[in-house]
């Protein structure tokens, strides 16, 4: 079963402060997107990669990634739009699709391969996860704690998230025509969309290095990880 990757990278990254779109912010002298694609290219099971770039930066991204054999398309206004745009140009012989955040530029190869192995073993949707270390509080609109949430069965979802192609295509069907009977709205990741459509989502262990660069602090942490050699295995 051939594995393709869709990399939505059109987000502005406003929480990083003023500057280029998030995927083009530099980490150790190179854009986050380059780090993410290079890491994926180190995975022996990964085939075609499609990057959904910011509309105004398609040419720039194409040039940046010319060494990595990727297809670059214009992304959409929202993440689901970018994923759908990438899906639309994946080769027809791709059976399994990973969706990966460019902001998780340091994901270990072993995590990517674990997701793929679970799909090849028969899973329809797979998410790498890590346990929640902090105590979690539920609060009301006024900020008052209303409950302490037991954390033993809580997990933080990472990427790449993997899917049988037809599952992802169904989840990203045009709004108003959801073939599995559910809306695409309100979900923050692709696994949530698949889950809402009734698909069983399985998990594999994630990794601390697969954290998402969202703020300037995260970028500094990523710099530190790279300075000590990163996590490639």
Protein backbone atom coordinates (compact mmCIF):
# COMPACT_ATOMS: atom_id res chain seq x y z
CA UNK A 1 0.00 0.00 0.00
CA UNK A 2 1.54 3.27 -1.16
CA UNK A 3 1.78 6.08 1.40
CA UNK A 4 1.34 9.76 0.55
CA UNK A 5 1.58 12.83 2.76
CA UNK A 6 -0.41 16.05 2.78
CA UNK A 7 1.34 18.88 4.58
CA UNK A 8 -0.98 21.85 5.21
CA UNK A 9 1.35 24.84 5.57
CA UNK A 10 -0.76 27.88 4.69
CA UNK A 11 -1.38 29.18 8.21
CA UNK A 12 -0.33 32.68 9.25
CA UNK A 13 1.08 31.72 12.65
CA UNK A 14 -0.07 34.91 14.36
CA UNK A 15 0.92 33.62 17.81
CA UNK A 16 4.54 33.69 16.68
CA UNK A 17 4.26 37.44 16.24
CA UNK A 18 4.68 39.59 13.12
CA UNK A 19 6.55 38.09 10.22
CA UNK A 20 6.34 35.45 7.53
CA UNK A 21 3.71 32.67 7.58
CA UNK A 22 4.48 30.11 10.27
CA UNK A 23 5.82 27.40 7.95
CA UNK A 24 8.38 29.88 6.59
CA UNK A 25 9.68 31.05 9.98
CA UNK A 26 13.29 30.07 10.39
CA UNK A 27 14.56 27.39 12.74
CA UNK A 28 18.35 27.13 12.85
CA UNK A 29 18.61 29.11 9.64
CA UNK A 30 16.02 27.19 7.61
CA UNK A 31 12.22 27.43 7.39
CA UNK A 32 10.21 25.08 9.60
CA UNK A 33 8.71 23.64 6.43
CA UNK A 34 12.09 22.55 5.10
CA UNK A 35 12.86 20.77 8.37
CA UNK A 36 9.48 19.02 8.29
CA UNK A 37 9.79 17.85 4.68
CA UNK A 38 13.38 16.71 5.15
CA UNK A 39 12.32 14.63 8.16
CA UNK A 40 9.52 13.01 6.15
CA UNK A 41 11.95 12.22 3.33
CA UNK A 42 14.05 10.29 5.84
CA UNK A 43 11.13 7.88 6.35
CA UNK A 44 11.56 4.83 4.10
CA UNK A 45 7.81 4.19 3.82
CA UNK A 46 6.83 7.69 2.68
CA UNK A 47 6.07 8.25 -1.01
CA UNK A 48 4.52 11.34 -2.63
CA UNK A 49 4.37 14.53 -0.56
CA UNK A 50 2.02 17.42 -1.30
CA UNK A 51 2.54 20.77 0.42
CA UNK A 52 -0.35 23.24 0.63
CA UNK A 53 1.49 26.57 0.76
CA UNK A 54 0.29 30.10 1.50
CA UNK A 55 -1.28 31.44 -1.70
CA UNK A 56 1.18 34.33 -1.96
CA UNK A 57 4.20 32.07 -1.40
CA UNK A 58 3.64 29.12 -3.75
CA UNK A 59 6.61 30.05 -5.94
CA UNK A 60 8.85 30.61 -2.91
CA UNK A 61 7.89 27.28 -1.37
CA UNK A 62 8.37 25.46 -4.67
CA UNK A 63 11.91 26.82 -4.87
CA UNK A 64 12.65 26.02 -1.22
CA UNK A 65 11.63 22.39 -1.66
CA UNK A 66 12.98 21.65 -5.13
CA UNK A 67 15.50 19.15 -3.71
CA UNK A 68 12.84 17.04 -1.99
CA UNK A 69 10.56 15.86 -4.82
CA UNK A 70 7.32 17.38 -3.57
CA UNK A 71 4.23 18.84 -5.20
CA UNK A 72 3.26 22.34 -4.06
CA UNK A 73 -0.31 23.64 -4.31
CA UNK A 74 -2.03 26.76 -3.02
CA UNK A 75 -3.55 26.21 0.40
CA UNK A 76 -6.93 27.45 1.59
CA UNK A 77 -8.24 29.92 4.13
CA UNK A 78 -8.73 27.17 6.73
CA UNK A 79 -6.74 24.03 7.51
CA UNK A 80 -9.42 21.65 6.14
CA UNK A 81 -9.34 23.57 2.86
CA UNK A 82 -5.58 23.05 2.61
CA UNK A 83 -5.87 19.34 3.38
CA UNK A 84 -8.58 18.96 0.74
CA UNK A 85 -6.42 20.81 -1.81
CA UNK A 86 -3.52 18.46 -1.12
CA UNK A 87 -5.70 15.37 -1.28
CA UNK A 88 -7.02 16.40 -4.67
CA UNK A 89 -3.59 16.12 -6.32
CA UNK A 90 -2.21 13.02 -4.62
CA UNK A 91 -1.56 10.27 -7.19
CA UNK A 92 -4.44 7.84 -7.64
CA UNK A 93 -2.34 4.86 -6.53
CA UNK A 94 -1.84 6.28 -3.01
CA UNK A 95 -3.84 4.09 -0.61
CA UNK A 96 -2.79 5.53 2.76
CA UNK A 97 -2.50 9.23 3.57
CA UNK A 98 -0.66 11.00 6.37
CA UNK A 99 -1.55 14.57 7.33
CA UNK A 100 1.33 16.31 9.05
CA UNK A 101 1.80 19.76 10.57
CA UNK A 102 4.78 21.72 9.24
CA UNK A 103 5.02 23.16 12.75
CA UNK A 104 5.91 19.69 14.10
CA UNK A 105 9.20 19.89 12.25
CA UNK A 106 11.19 17.58 14.53
CA UNK A 107 8.93 14.53 14.61
CA UNK A 108 11.08 11.38 14.92
CA UNK A 109 11.14 9.01 11.96
CA UNK A 110 10.06 6.21 14.30
CA UNK A 111 6.75 7.97 15.03
CA UNK A 112 5.98 8.37 11.33
CA UNK A 113 6.81 4.73 10.65
CA UNK A 114 4.67 3.59 13.61
CA UNK A 115 1.63 5.38 12.18
CA UNK A 116 2.22 3.78 8.79
CA UNK A 117 2.71 0.32 10.32
CA UNK A 118 -0.62 0.60 12.15
CA UNK A 119 -2.39 1.56 8.92
CA UNK A 120 -0.81 -1.32 7.04
CA UNK A 121 -1.94 -3.63 9.83
CA UNK A 122 -5.55 -2.65 9.17
CA UNK A 123 -6.29 0.54 11.12
CA UNK A 124 -8.50 3.04 9.31
CA UNK A 125 -7.32 6.08 11.25
CA UNK A 126 -4.26 6.46 13.49
CA UNK A 127 -3.02 9.25 15.75
CA UNK A 128 0.29 9.48 17.66
CA UNK A 129 -0.37 10.57 21.23
CA UNK A 130 1.46 11.44 24.44
CA UNK A 131 0.13 11.30 28.00
CA UNK A 132 -1.02 14.48 29.74
CA UNK A 133 1.49 15.40 32.44
CA UNK A 134 -0.27 18.41 33.97
CA UNK A 135 -3.39 18.54 36.09
CA UNK A 136 -6.30 19.66 33.89
CA UNK A 137 -9.09 21.94 35.14
CA UNK A 138 -12.43 22.58 33.49
CA UNK A 139 -13.55 26.20 33.96
CA UNK A 140 -16.69 28.18 33.21
CA UNK A 141 -16.99 31.41 31.20
CA UNK A 142 -15.96 33.45 34.23
CA UNK A 143 -12.79 31.44 34.72
CA UNK A 144 -14.01 29.60 37.82
CA UNK A 145 -12.92 25.98 38.17
CA UNK A 146 -15.91 23.67 37.88
CA UNK A 147 -14.09 20.34 37.78
CA UNK A 148 -10.70 18.67 37.88
CA UNK A 149 -10.49 16.31 34.94
CA UNK A 150 -8.98 12.87 35.64
CA UNK A 151 -5.92 12.65 33.42
CA UNK A 152 -5.23 8.91 33.42
CA UNK A 153 -7.10 8.42 30.15
CA UNK A 154 -6.27 11.80 28.56
CA UNK A 155 -3.82 12.06 25.67
CA UNK A 156 -2.45 14.91 23.58
CA UNK A 157 -2.76 14.28 19.84
CA UNK A 158 0.19 14.89 17.53
CA UNK A 159 0.90 14.41 13.83
CA UNK A 160 1.34 12.81 11.39
CA UNK A 161 -2.17 11.44 11.59
CA UNK A 162 -2.76 8.56 9.22
CA UNK A 163 -5.83 7.41 7.32
CA UNK A 164 -7.06 5.01 4.72
CA UNK A 165 -7.49 7.37 1.77
CA UNK A 166 -11.23 6.91 1.47
CA UNK A 167 -11.70 7.78 5.15
CA UNK A 168 -9.87 11.10 4.77
CA UNK A 169 -11.61 11.93 1.50
CA UNK A 170 -15.01 11.27 3.08
CA UNK A 171 -14.15 13.44 6.10
CA UNK A 172 -13.12 16.28 3.79
CA UNK A 173 -16.09 16.05 1.47
CA UNK A 174 -17.50 19.49 0.53
CA UNK A 175 -19.53 21.09 3.27
CA UNK A 176 -23.19 20.33 2.85
CA UNK A 177 -22.45 17.01 1.14
CA UNK A 178 -20.88 14.90 3.89
CA UNK A 179 -21.31 11.28 2.66
CA UNK A 180 -20.92 9.86 6.16
CA UNK A 181 -23.60 12.16 7.54
CA UNK A 182 -21.52 14.62 9.56
CA UNK A 183 -20.43 18.22 9.20
CA UNK A 184 -16.74 19.13 8.81
CA UNK A 185 -17.17 22.13 11.11
CA UNK A 186 -15.79 22.49 14.62
CA UNK A 187 -12.96 19.96 14.50
CA UNK A 188 -9.37 20.95 15.20
CA UNK A 189 -7.72 17.95 13.58
CA UNK A 190 -8.42 15.39 10.88
CA UNK A 191 -8.82 12.55 13.36
CA UNK A 192 -11.66 14.47 15.00
CA UNK A 193 -13.39 14.71 11.65
CA UNK A 194 -12.99 10.98 11.06
CA UNK A 195 -14.19 10.21 14.59
CA UNK A 196 -17.29 12.35 14.09
CA UNK A 197 -18.01 10.31 10.97
CA UNK A 198 -18.03 7.12 13.02
CA UNK A 199 -14.54 5.89 12.16
CA UNK A 200 -12.56 4.15 14.91
CA UNK A 201 -9.36 6.10 15.58
CA UNK A 202 -6.44 4.09 16.94
CA UNK A 203 -3.34 5.45 18.64
CA UNK A 204 0.40 4.85 18.64
CA UNK A 205 3.00 6.39 20.98
CA UNK A 206 4.05 9.89 20.02
CA UNK A 207 7.20 11.68 21.13
CA UNK A 208 8.15 14.81 23.03
CA UNK A 209 10.12 16.02 20.02
CA UNK A 210 6.96 16.05 17.92
CA UNK A 211 5.67 19.13 19.75
CA UNK A 212 4.02 21.90 17.73
CA UNK A 213 5.83 25.19 17.30
CA UNK A 214 3.15 27.76 18.08
CA UNK A 215 4.88 30.55 20.02
CA UNK A 216 8.31 32.17 20.12
CA UNK A 217 9.06 30.07 23.20
CA UNK A 218 8.35 26.88 21.25
CA UNK A 219 10.71 28.06 18.53
CA UNK A 220 13.43 28.56 21.12
CA UNK A 221 12.83 25.04 22.45
CA UNK A 222 13.11 23.65 18.93
CA UNK A 223 16.41 25.48 18.49
CA UNK A 224 17.67 23.85 21.70
CA UNK A 225 16.56 20.40 20.55
CA UNK A 226 18.42 20.82 17.27
CA UNK A 227 21.50 22.15 19.07
CA UNK A 228 21.77 18.90 21.01
CA UNK A 229 21.34 16.77 17.94
CA UNK A 230 17.56 16.54 17.53
CA UNK A 231 15.57 13.31 17.53
CA UNK A 232 15.83 11.52 14.23
CA UNK A 233 15.18 7.92 15.19
